[in-house]
Amino acid sequence: MAEKDLGPEDLGIDVARSPEQRYRWFLASLLLGRNIRQAQAAHTYRALIEHGMTSPERFAGLEHEQLRAILDEGGYDRFDHLMARELQEVMAGVARDWGSVNHLLTSSADRQEAHDRVVAYRGIGETTARILLDAVPPALYGTA
């Protein structure tokens, strides 16, 4: 039996509700978009949030090995080295380029522009972009 793809509601996330919720879904999407069991990705997402990774800027203050330890705690140990680097790079890029995940999304004219913005970051491919953007209400685009 195929594993069910998790959506934001499975993680207690309401993408339409707030910028913080949009960030949380972005973070979860980065994990869920990998070739890893959904349950492990969800557990890792929760571990990151519990350790205070509640904004892109929070990743900047974390040593690579500290992030790897959190990923290991969540069950992401098989990919921890690569994922730690990519998470830090993506989060730094979002903070630098857009200021926030919310601004990245709401300043996009439409889904295609948001897609183009997110896949420009190393480590974000079509699967991750689809997971992220399938949950973004179209009414959010162009509201910045």
Foldseek 3Di string as FASTA:
>chain_A
DDADQDALVVLVAQCPPDLLSLQLQLQLLLQSLDPDHSQLSSLLSVLCVVVPVRFLVVLVPDDLVRQLVSSVVSVNNVCSNVSSVQSNQLSVCCCVPQVGSLRLAQAAQFLVSSLVVNCVRPSDDDSSSCSSSVNHPRVSHPPD
